[in-house]
All heavy atoms as atom14 arrays in JSON, in Angstrom:
{
  "sequence": "RLVEHWSTAYPAMRTILDTVIAAQRRAERPTVDLPRLENARRELGQ",
  "atom14_mask": [
    [1, 1, 1, 1, 1, 1, 1, 1, 1, 1, 1, 0, 0, 0],
    [1, 1, 1, 1, 1, 1, 1, 1, 0, 0, 0, 0, 0, 0],
    [1, 1, 1, 1, 1, 1, 1, 0, 0, 0, 0, 0, 0, 0],
    [1, 1, 1, 1, 1, 1, 1, 1, 1, 0, 0, 0, 0, 0],
    [1, 1, 1, 1, 1, 1, 1, 1, 1, 1, 0, 0, 0, 0],
    [1, 1, 1, 1, 1, 1, 1, 1, 1, 1, 1, 1, 1, 1],
    [1, 1, 1, 1, 1, 1, 0, 0, 0, 0, 0, 0, 0, 0],
    [1, 1, 1, 1, 1, 1, 1, 0, 0, 0, 0, 0, 0, 0],
    [1, 1, 1, 1, 1, 0, 0, 0, 0, 0, 0, 0, 0, 0],
    [1, 1, 1, 1, 1, 1, 1, 1, 1, 1, 1, 1, 0, 0],
    [1, 1, 1, 1, 1, 1, 1, 0, 0, 0, 0, 0, 0, 0],
    [1, 1, 1, 1, 1, 0, 0, 0, 0, 0, 0, 0, 0, 0],
    [1, 1, 1, 1, 1, 1, 1, 1, 0, 0, 0, 0, 0, 0],
    [1, 1, 1, 1, 1, 1, 1, 1, 1, 1, 1, 0, 0, 0],
    [1, 1, 1, 1, 1, 1, 1, 0, 0, 0, 0, 0, 0, 0],
    [1, 1, 1, 1, 1, 1, 1, 1, 0, 0, 0, 0, 0, 0],
    [1, 1, 1, 1, 1, 1, 1, 1, 0, 0, 0, 0, 0, 0],
    [1, 1, 1, 1, 1, 1, 1, 1, 0, 0, 0, 0, 0, 0],
    [1, 1, 1, 1, 1, 1, 1, 0, 0, 0, 0, 0, 0, 0],
    [1, 1, 1, 1, 1, 1, 1, 0, 0, 0, 0, 0, 0, 0],
    [1, 1, 1, 1, 1, 1, 1, 1, 0, 0, 0, 0, 0, 0],
    [1, 1, 1, 1, 1, 0, 0, 0, 0, 0, 0, 0, 0, 0],
    [1, 1, 1, 1, 1, 0, 0, 0, 0, 0, 0, 0, 0, 0],
    [1, 1, 1, 1, 1, 1, 1, 1, 1, 0, 0, 0, 0, 0],
    [1, 1, 1, 1, 1, 1, 1, 1, 1, 1, 1, 0, 0, 0],
    [1, 1, 1, 1, 1, 1, 1, 1, 1, 1, 1, 0, 0, 0],
    [1, 1, 1, 1, 1, 0, 0, 0, 0, 0, 0, 0, 0, 0],
    [1, 1, 1, 1, 1, 1, 1, 1, 1, 0, 0, 0, 0, 0],
    [1, 1, 1, 1, 1, 1, 1, 1, 1, 1, 1, 0, 0, 0],
    [1, 1, 1, 1, 1, 1, 1, 0, 0, 0, 0, 0, 0, 0],
    [1, 1, 1, 1, 1, 1, 1, 0, 0, 0, 0, 0, 0, 0],
    [1, 1, 1, 1, 1, 1, 1, 0, 0, 0, 0, 0, 0, 0],
    [1, 1, 1, 1, 1, 1, 1, 1, 0, 0, 0, 0, 0, 0],
    [1, 1, 1, 1, 1, 1, 1, 1, 0, 0, 0, 0, 0, 0],
    [1, 1, 1, 1, 1, 1, 1, 0, 0, 0, 0, 0, 0, 0],
    [1, 1, 1, 1, 1, 1, 1, 1, 1, 1, 1, 0, 0, 0],
    [1, 1, 1, 1, 1, 1, 1, 1, 0, 0, 0, 0, 0, 0],
    [1, 1, 1, 1, 1, 1, 1, 1, 1, 0, 0, 0, 0, 0],
    [1, 1, 1, 1, 1, 1, 1, 1, 0, 0, 0, 0, 0, 0],
    [1, 1, 1, 1, 1, 0, 0, 0, 0, 0, 0, 0, 0, 0],
    [1, 1, 1, 1, 1, 1, 1, 1, 1, 1, 1, 0, 0, 0],
    [1, 1, 1, 1, 1, 1, 1, 1, 1, 1, 1, 0, 0, 0],
    [1, 1, 1, 1, 1, 1, 1, 1, 1, 0, 0, 0, 0, 0],
    [1, 1, 1, 1, 1, 1, 1, 1, 0, 0, 0, 0, 0, 0],
    [1, 1, 1, 1, 0, 0, 0, 0, 0, 0, 0, 0, 0, 0],
    [1, 1, 1, 1, 1, 1, 1, 1, 1, 0, 0, 0, 0, 0]
  ],
  "atom14_positions": [
    [[0.84, -1.2, 0.0], [0.0, 0.0, 0.0], [0.87, 1.26, 0.0], [0.62, 2.21, -0.73], [-0.96, -0.01, 1.2], [-2.0, 1.08, 1.13], [-3.11, 0.92, 2.15], [-2.64, 0.87, 3.52], [-2.82, -0.18, 4.34], [-3.47, -1.24, 3.91], [-2.37, -0.16, 5.57], [0.0, 0.0, 0.0], [0.0, 0.0, 0.0], [0.0, 0.0, 0.0]],
    [[1.93, 1.23, 0.8], [2.84, 2.38, 0.85], [3.5, 2.62, -0.5], [3.58, 3.75, -0.97], [3.9, 2.17, 1.93], [4.96, 3.27, 1.98], [4.34, 4.59, 2.42], [6.09, 2.88, 2.9], [0.0, 0.0, 0.0], [0.0, 0.0, 0.0], [0.0, 0.0, 0.0], [0.0, 0.0, 0.0], [0.0, 0.0, 0.0], [0.0, 0.0, 0.0]],
    [[3.97, 1.55, -1.12], [4.63, 1.69, -2.43], [3.65, 2.25, -3.47], [4.02, 3.07, -4.3], [5.25, 0.35, -2.88], [5.68, 0.4, -4.33], [6.43, -0.01, -1.98], [0.0, 0.0, 0.0], [0.0, 0.0, 0.0], [0.0, 0.0, 0.0], [0.0, 0.0, 0.0], [0.0, 0.0, 0.0], [0.0, 0.0, 0.0], [0.0, 0.0, 0.0]],
    [[2.39, 1.85, -3.37], [1.38, 2.38, -4.29], [1.21, 3.9, -4.08], [1.2, 4.67, -5.05], [0.05, 1.67, -4.06], [-1.05, 2.1, -5.0], [-2.34, 1.33, -4.73], [-2.26, 0.13, -4.41], [-3.4, 1.96, -4.85], [0.0, 0.0, 0.0], [0.0, 0.0, 0.0], [0.0, 0.0, 0.0], [0.0, 0.0, 0.0], [0.0, 0.0, 0.0]],
    [[1.1, 4.32, -2.82], [0.99, 5.76, -2.53], [2.26, 6.49, -2.97], [2.19, 7.58, -3.53], [0.75, 5.99, -1.03], [-0.61, 5.62, -0.56], [-1.76, 6.18, -1.07], [-1.01, 4.74, 0.39], [-2.81, 5.67, -0.47], [-2.38, 4.78, 0.43], [0.0, 0.0, 0.0], [0.0, 0.0, 0.0], [0.0, 0.0, 0.0], [0.0, 0.0, 0.0]],
    [[3.41, 5.91, -2.69], [4.69, 6.53, -3.04], [4.79, 6.7, -4.56], [5.19, 7.76, -5.04], [5.85, 5.67, -2.52], [7.18, 6.29, -2.78], [7.96, 6.15, -3.9], [7.9, 7.18, -1.92], [9.11, 6.88, -3.76], [9.09, 7.51, -2.57], [7.64, 7.7, -0.65], [10.04, 8.36, -1.99], [8.57, 8.54, -0.08], [9.76, 8.87, -0.76]],
    [[4.44, 5.66, -5.3], [4.54, 5.71, -6.76], [3.66, 6.79, -7.36], [3.98, 7.36, -8.4], [4.19, 4.34, -7.36], [5.12, 3.38, -6.93], [0.0, 0.0, 0.0], [0.0, 0.0, 0.0], [0.0, 0.0, 0.0], [0.0, 0.0, 0.0], [0.0, 0.0, 0.0], [0.0, 0.0, 0.0], [0.0, 0.0, 0.0], [0.0, 0.0, 0.0]],
    [[2.55, 7.08, -6.71], [1.65, 8.13, -7.18], [2.18, 9.52, -6.8], [2.15, 10.45, -7.61], [0.25, 7.94, -6.57], [-0.22, 6.64, -6.92], [-0.72, 8.99, -7.07], [0.0, 0.0, 0.0], [0.0, 0.0, 0.0], [0.0, 0.0, 0.0], [0.0, 0.0, 0.0], [0.0, 0.0, 0.0], [0.0, 0.0, 0.0], [0.0, 0.0, 0.0]],
    [[2.7, 9.66, -5.59], [3.08, 10.98, -5.08], [4.51, 11.4, -5.42], [4.78, 12.59, -5.58], [2.89, 11.01, -3.56], [0.0, 0.0, 0.0], [0.0, 0.0, 0.0], [0.0, 0.0, 0.0], [0.0, 0.0, 0.0], [0.0, 0.0, 0.0], [0.0, 0.0, 0.0], [0.0, 0.0, 0.0], [0.0, 0.0, 0.0], [0.0, 0.0, 0.0]],
    [[5.44, 10.46, -5.53], [6.85, 10.83, -5.69], [7.13, 11.72, -6.9], [7.81, 12.72, -6.77], [7.75, 9.59, -5.71], [9.21, 9.95, -5.86], [9.92, 10.52, -4.79], [9.88, 9.77, -7.06], [11.24, 10.87, -4.93], [11.2, 10.12, -7.2], [11.89, 10.67, -6.14], [13.2, 11.03, -6.28], [0.0, 0.0, 0.0], [0.0, 0.0, 0.0]],
    [[6.62, 11.38, -8.09], [6.9, 12.26, -9.24], [6.42, 13.7, -9.0], [7.11, 14.66, -9.36], [6.15, 11.62, -10.41], [6.01, 10.18, -10.01], [5.86, 10.2, -8.52], [0.0, 0.0, 0.0], [0.0, 0.0, 0.0], [0.0, 0.0, 0.0], [0.0, 0.0, 0.0], [0.0, 0.0, 0.0], [0.0, 0.0, 0.0], [0.0, 0.0, 0.0]],
    [[5.26, 13.86, -8.38], [4.74, 15.2, -8.1], [5.61, 15.91, -7.07], [5.93, 17.09, -7.22], [3.3, 15.12, -7.6], [0.0, 0.0, 0.0], [0.0, 0.0, 0.0], [0.0, 0.0, 0.0], [0.0, 0.0, 0.0], [0.0, 0.0, 0.0], [0.0, 0.0, 0.0], [0.0, 0.0, 0.0], [0.0, 0.0, 0.0], [0.0, 0.0, 0.0]],
    [[6.02, 15.19, -6.02], [6.86, 15.81, -4.99], [8.19, 16.26, -5.58], [8.67, 17.36, -5.3], [7.12, 14.83, -3.83], [5.88, 14.52, -3.02], [6.22, 13.57, -1.52], [7.01, 12.11, -2.14], [0.0, 0.0, 0.0], [0.0, 0.0, 0.0], [0.0, 0.0, 0.0], [0.0, 0.0, 0.0], [0.0, 0.0, 0.0], [0.0, 0.0, 0.0]],
    [[8.77, 15.43, -6.42], [10.05, 15.76, -7.04], [9.9, 16.98, -7.97], [10.73, 17.88, -7.95], [10.57, 14.54, -7.81], [11.89, 14.73, -8.47], [12.99, 14.97, -7.44], [14.18, 15.43, -8.11], [15.38, 14.88, -7.96], [15.54, 13.88, -7.14], [16.39, 15.37, -8.61], [0.0, 0.0, 0.0], [0.0, 0.0, 0.0], [0.0, 0.0, 0.0]],
    [[8.82, 17.02, -8.73], [8.58, 18.15, -9.62], [8.36, 19.44, -8.82], [8.89, 20.5, -9.18], [7.36, 17.87, -10.53], [7.64, 16.71, -11.31], [7.07, 19.04, -11.45], [0.0, 0.0, 0.0], [0.0, 0.0, 0.0], [0.0, 0.0, 0.0], [0.0, 0.0, 0.0], [0.0, 0.0, 0.0], [0.0, 0.0, 0.0], [0.0, 0.0, 0.0]],
    [[7.6, 19.36, -7.75], [7.36, 20.53, -6.89], [8.68, 21.03, -6.33], [8.99, 22.24, -6.39], [6.36, 20.19, -5.76], [4.96, 19.98, -6.34], [6.36, 21.28, -4.69], [3.99, 19.31, -5.38], [0.0, 0.0, 0.0], [0.0, 0.0, 0.0], [0.0, 0.0, 0.0], [0.0, 0.0, 0.0], [0.0, 0.0, 0.0], [0.0, 0.0, 0.0]],
    [[9.48, 20.13, -5.79], [10.78, 20.54, -5.23], [11.68, 21.13, -6.3], [12.3, 22.18, -6.09], [11.47, 19.35, -4.55], [10.9, 18.96, -3.2], [11.44, 17.6, -2.77], [11.22, 20.02, -2.15], [0.0, 0.0, 0.0], [0.0, 0.0, 0.0], [0.0, 0.0, 0.0], [0.0, 0.0, 0.0], [0.0, 0.0, 0.0], [0.0, 0.0, 0.0]],
    [[11.77, 20.48, -7.46], [12.61, 21.01, -8.55], [12.17, 22.42, -8.95], [13.0, 23.31, -9.14], [12.55, 20.09, -9.77], [13.29, 18.78, -9.58], [14.06, 18.65, -8.6], [13.09, 17.87, -10.42], [0.0, 0.0, 0.0], [0.0, 0.0, 0.0], [0.0, 0.0, 0.0], [0.0, 0.0, 0.0], [0.0, 0.0, 0.0], [0.0, 0.0, 0.0]],
    [[10.87, 22.61, -9.09], [10.33, 23.9, -9.51], [10.59, 24.99, -8.48], [11.06, 26.08, -8.82], [8.81, 23.78, -9.77], [8.6, 22.76, -10.75], [8.21, 25.09, -10.24], [0.0, 0.0, 0.0], [0.0, 0.0, 0.0], [0.0, 0.0, 0.0], [0.0, 0.0, 0.0], [0.0, 0.0, 0.0], [0.0, 0.0, 0.0], [0.0, 0.0, 0.0]],
    [[10.31, 24.71, -7.22], [10.5, 25.7, -6.16], [11.98, 26.02, -5.98], [12.36, 27.18, -5.86], [9.85, 25.24, -4.84], [10.23, 26.16, -3.69], [8.34, 25.18, -5.0], [0.0, 0.0, 0.0], [0.0, 0.0, 0.0], [0.0, 0.0, 0.0], [0.0, 0.0, 0.0], [0.0, 0.0, 0.0], [0.0, 0.0, 0.0], [0.0, 0.0, 0.0]],
    [[12.82, 25.01, -5.99], [14.26, 25.23, -5.82], [14.8, 26.08, -6.96], [15.55, 27.04, -6.74], [15.02, 23.9, -5.69], [14.7, 23.27, -4.32], [16.52, 24.08, -5.87], [15.18, 21.83, -4.17], [0.0, 0.0, 0.0], [0.0, 0.0, 0.0], [0.0, 0.0, 0.0], [0.0, 0.0, 0.0], [0.0, 0.0, 0.0], [0.0, 0.0, 0.0]],
    [[14.43, 25.77, -8.2], [14.9, 26.55, -9.34], [14.43, 28.0, -9.24], [15.2, 28.93, -9.48], [14.4, 25.92, -10.65], [0.0, 0.0, 0.0], [0.0, 0.0, 0.0], [0.0, 0.0, 0.0], [0.0, 0.0, 0.0], [0.0, 0.0, 0.0], [0.0, 0.0, 0.0], [0.0, 0.0, 0.0], [0.0, 0.0, 0.0], [0.0, 0.0, 0.0]],
    [[13.17, 28.2, -8.87], [12.63, 29.57, -8.75], [13.33, 30.32, -7.62], [13.65, 31.51, -7.77], [11.13, 29.52, -8.51], [0.0, 0.0, 0.0], [0.0, 0.0, 0.0], [0.0, 0.0, 0.0], [0.0, 0.0, 0.0], [0.0, 0.0, 0.0], [0.0, 0.0, 0.0], [0.0, 0.0, 0.0], [0.0, 0.0, 0.0], [0.0, 0.0, 0.0]],
    [[13.56, 29.66, -6.51], [14.2, 30.33, -5.37], [15.66, 30.65, -5.64], [16.18, 31.65, -5.15], [14.07, 29.46, -4.12], [12.65, 29.32, -3.62], [12.07, 30.65, -3.15], [12.67, 31.35, -2.35], [10.91, 31.0, -3.66], [0.0, 0.0, 0.0], [0.0, 0.0, 0.0], [0.0, 0.0, 0.0], [0.0, 0.0, 0.0], [0.0, 0.0, 0.0]],
    [[16.33, 29.84, -6.44], [17.72, 30.13, -6.81], [17.79, 31.39, -7.67], [18.78, 32.13, -7.61], [18.34, 28.96, -7.55], [18.72, 27.82, -6.65], [19.35, 26.71, -7.44], [19.76, 25.62, -6.58], [20.0, 24.39, -7.0], [19.88, 24.1, -8.29], [20.37, 23.46, -6.16], [0.0, 0.0, 0.0], [0.0, 0.0, 0.0], [0.0, 0.0, 0.0]],
    [[16.77, 31.64, -8.48], [16.73, 32.83, -9.33], [16.25, 34.07, -8.59], [16.45, 35.19, -9.05], [15.83, 32.58, -10.54], [16.37, 31.6, -11.54], [15.52, 31.55, -12.8], [14.1, 31.31, -12.55], [13.53, 30.11, -12.53], [14.24, 29.04, -12.75], [12.24, 29.99, -12.31], [0.0, 0.0, 0.0], [0.0, 0.0, 0.0], [0.0, 0.0, 0.0]],
    [[15.6, 33.86, -7.48], [15.0, 34.98, -6.74], [16.08, 35.84, -6.09], [17.11, 35.35, -5.64], [14.05, 34.46, -5.67], [0.0, 0.0, 0.0], [0.0, 0.0, 0.0], [0.0, 0.0, 0.0], [0.0, 0.0, 0.0], [0.0, 0.0, 0.0], [0.0, 0.0, 0.0], [0.0, 0.0, 0.0], [0.0, 0.0, 0.0], [0.0, 0.0, 0.0]],
    [[15.81, 37.14, -6.08], [16.72, 38.06, -5.42], [16.76, 37.79, -3.92], [17.81, 37.82, -3.29], [16.27, 39.5, -5.69], [17.28, 40.53, -5.24], [16.84, 41.92, -5.65], [16.5, 42.12, -6.82], [16.86, 42.8, -4.76], [0.0, 0.0, 0.0], [0.0, 0.0, 0.0], [0.0, 0.0, 0.0], [0.0, 0.0, 0.0], [0.0, 0.0, 0.0]],
    [[15.58, 37.56, -3.36], [15.46, 37.25, -1.93], [14.62, 35.99, -1.78], [13.4, 36.04, -1.86], [14.77, 38.39, -1.2], [15.56, 39.66, -1.2], [14.74, 40.73, -0.57], [15.39, 41.16, 0.66], [14.95, 42.12, 1.41], [13.81, 42.71, 1.11], [15.6, 42.49, 2.48], [0.0, 0.0, 0.0], [0.0, 0.0, 0.0], [0.0, 0.0, 0.0]],
    [[15.25, 34.83, -1.57], [14.49, 33.6, -1.41], [13.5, 33.7, -0.26], [13.78, 34.33, 0.76], [15.56, 32.54, -1.13], [16.82, 33.13, -1.67], [16.69, 34.61, -1.51], [0.0, 0.0, 0.0], [0.0, 0.0, 0.0], [0.0, 0.0, 0.0], [0.0, 0.0, 0.0], [0.0, 0.0, 0.0], [0.0, 0.0, 0.0], [0.0, 0.0, 0.0]],
    [[12.35, 33.09, -0.44], [11.31, 33.14, 0.59], [11.17, 31.82, 1.34], [10.3, 31.69, 2.19], [9.94, 33.49, -0.06], [9.65, 32.5, -1.06], [9.97, 34.87, -0.68], [0.0, 0.0, 0.0], [0.0, 0.0, 0.0], [0.0, 0.0, 0.0], [0.0, 0.0, 0.0], [0.0, 0.0, 0.0], [0.0, 0.0, 0.0], [0.0, 0.0, 0.0]],
    [[12.01, 30.85, 1.02], [12.01, 29.57, 1.71], [13.43, 29.22, 2.13], [14.39, 29.82, 1.67], [11.43, 28.43, 0.83], [9.99, 28.69, 0.47], [12.27, 28.23, -0.41], [0.0, 0.0, 0.0], [0.0, 0.0, 0.0], [0.0, 0.0, 0.0], [0.0, 0.0, 0.0], [0.0, 0.0, 0.0], [0.0, 0.0, 0.0], [0.0, 0.0, 0.0]],
    [[13.54, 28.24, 3.0], [14.84, 27.75, 3.43], [15.38, 26.83, 2.32], [15.09, 25.63, 2.29], [14.69, 27.0, 4.75], [16.0, 26.51, 5.32], [17.04, 26.66, 4.65], [15.98, 25.98, 6.45], [0.0, 0.0, 0.0], [0.0, 0.0, 0.0], [0.0, 0.0, 0.0], [0.0, 0.0, 0.0], [0.0, 0.0, 0.0], [0.0, 0.0, 0.0]],
    [[16.14, 27.4, 1.41], [16.61, 26.68, 0.23], [17.47, 25.47, 0.59], [17.25, 24.38, 0.03], [17.35, 27.64, -0.7], [17.63, 27.17, -2.11], [16.36, 26.7, -2.79], [18.27, 28.29, -2.9], [0.0, 0.0, 0.0], [0.0, 0.0, 0.0], [0.0, 0.0, 0.0], [0.0, 0.0, 0.0], [0.0, 0.0, 0.0], [0.0, 0.0, 0.0]],
    [[18.44, 25.57, 1.5], [19.22, 24.38, 1.85], [18.35, 23.23, 2.4], [18.61, 22.06, 2.11], [20.21, 24.88, 2.91], [20.34, 26.34, 2.63], [18.98, 26.77, 2.15], [0.0, 0.0, 0.0], [0.0, 0.0, 0.0], [0.0, 0.0, 0.0], [0.0, 0.0, 0.0], [0.0, 0.0, 0.0], [0.0, 0.0, 0.0], [0.0, 0.0, 0.0]],
    [[17.32, 23.56, 3.14], [16.43, 22.53, 3.68], [15.7, 21.81, 2.54], [15.57, 20.58, 2.54], [15.41, 23.14, 4.64], [14.47, 22.11, 5.28], [13.55, 22.75, 6.3], [12.7, 23.78, 5.75], [11.5, 23.56, 5.2], [11.01, 22.35, 5.17], [10.8, 24.56, 4.71], [0.0, 0.0, 0.0], [0.0, 0.0, 0.0], [0.0, 0.0, 0.0]],
    [[15.23, 22.57, 1.54], [14.53, 21.95, 0.41], [15.48, 21.13, -0.44], [15.11, 20.05, -0.93], [13.85, 23.02, -0.44], [12.69, 23.75, 0.21], [12.08, 24.75, -0.76], [11.64, 22.77, 0.71], [0.0, 0.0, 0.0], [0.0, 0.0, 0.0], [0.0, 0.0, 0.0], [0.0, 0.0, 0.0], [0.0, 0.0, 0.0], [0.0, 0.0, 0.0]],
    [[16.7, 21.6, -0.63], [17.69, 20.83, -1.4], [18.01, 19.52, -0.68], [18.14, 18.47, -1.31], [18.95, 21.66, -1.63], [18.72, 22.8, -2.59], [19.86, 23.8, -2.65], [20.6, 23.95, -1.65], [20.0, 24.45, -3.7], [0.0, 0.0, 0.0], [0.0, 0.0, 0.0], [0.0, 0.0, 0.0], [0.0, 0.0, 0.0], [0.0, 0.0, 0.0]],
    [[18.12, 19.6, 0.64], [18.37, 18.4, 1.44], [17.17, 17.44, 1.35], [17.35, 16.23, 1.2], [18.64, 18.79, 2.9], [18.98, 17.61, 3.75], [19.93, 16.89, 3.45], [18.24, 17.41, 4.82], [0.0, 0.0, 0.0], [0.0, 0.0, 0.0], [0.0, 0.0, 0.0], [0.0, 0.0, 0.0], [0.0, 0.0, 0.0], [0.0, 0.0, 0.0]],
    [[15.97, 17.99, 1.43], [14.77, 17.15, 1.33], [14.72, 16.45, -0.02], [14.41, 15.25, -0.09], [13.51, 17.98, 1.55], [0.0, 0.0, 0.0], [0.0, 0.0, 0.0], [0.0, 0.0, 0.0], [0.0, 0.0, 0.0], [0.0, 0.0, 0.0], [0.0, 0.0, 0.0], [0.0, 0.0, 0.0], [0.0, 0.0, 0.0], [0.0, 0.0, 0.0]],
    [[15.04, 17.16, -1.08], [15.03, 16.56, -2.42], [16.05, 15.43, -2.52], [15.75, 14.35, -3.02], [15.3, 17.63, -3.48], [15.32, 17.06, -4.89], [15.46, 18.11, -5.94], [16.73, 18.82, -5.81], [17.1, 19.81, -6.61], [16.29, 20.22, -7.57], [18.26, 20.4, -6.45], [0.0, 0.0, 0.0], [0.0, 0.0, 0.0], [0.0, 0.0, 0.0]],
    [[17.25, 15.67, -1.99], [18.3, 14.65, -2.03], [17.89, 13.41, -1.22], [18.0, 12.28, -1.68], [19.62, 15.21, -1.49], [20.78, 14.23, -1.63], [22.06, 14.68, -0.94], [21.91, 14.47, 0.5], [21.86, 15.43, 1.41], [21.94, 16.7, 1.06], [21.71, 15.16, 2.69], [0.0, 0.0, 0.0], [0.0, 0.0, 0.0], [0.0, 0.0, 0.0]],
    [[17.38, 13.64, -0.01], [17.01, 12.52, 0.85], [15.78, 11.77, 0.34], [15.7, 10.55, 0.49], [16.84, 12.98, 2.29], [18.17, 13.34, 2.93], [18.07, 13.58, 4.42], [17.15, 13.03, 5.06], [18.92, 14.31, 4.94], [0.0, 0.0, 0.0], [0.0, 0.0, 0.0], [0.0, 0.0, 0.0], [0.0, 0.0, 0.0], [0.0, 0.0, 0.0]],
    [[14.82, 12.48, -0.26], [13.68, 11.78, -0.87], [14.16, 10.84, -1.98], [13.66, 9.73, -2.12], [12.66, 12.77, -1.45], [11.59, 13.28, -0.51], [10.78, 14.38, -1.17], [10.68, 12.17, -0.03], [0.0, 0.0, 0.0], [0.0, 0.0, 0.0], [0.0, 0.0, 0.0], [0.0, 0.0, 0.0], [0.0, 0.0, 0.0], [0.0, 0.0, 0.0]],
    [[15.14, 11.3, -2.75], [15.72, 10.44, -3.78], [16.38, 9.22, -3.18], [16.27, 8.11, -3.71], [0.0, 0.0, 0.0], [0.0, 0.0, 0.0], [0.0, 0.0, 0.0], [0.0, 0.0, 0.0], [0.0, 0.0, 0.0], [0.0, 0.0, 0.0], [0.0, 0.0, 0.0], [0.0, 0.0, 0.0], [0.0, 0.0, 0.0], [0.0, 0.0, 0.0]],
    [[17.07, 9.4, -2.06], [17.71, 8.27, -1.39], [16.66, 7.29, -0.87], [16.83, 6.07, -0.99], [18.59, 8.76, -0.23], [19.82, 9.5, -0.68], [20.57, 10.13, 0.48], [20.1, 10.15, 1.61], [21.76, 10.66, 0.19], [0.0, 0.0, 0.0], [0.0, 0.0, 0.0], [0.0, 0.0, 0.0], [0.0, 0.0, 0.0], [0.0, 0.0, 0.0]]
  ]
}
């Protein structure tokens, strides 16, 4: 059941993280904790 939920949600989570991280890197003043999101993206992949 977990793998089924993961398989549905993981692509969306990865896309959300990629999009937000890319936007925040371009931003003059980031509005989120960028290192935390980069770490979350790396660890979700692991």
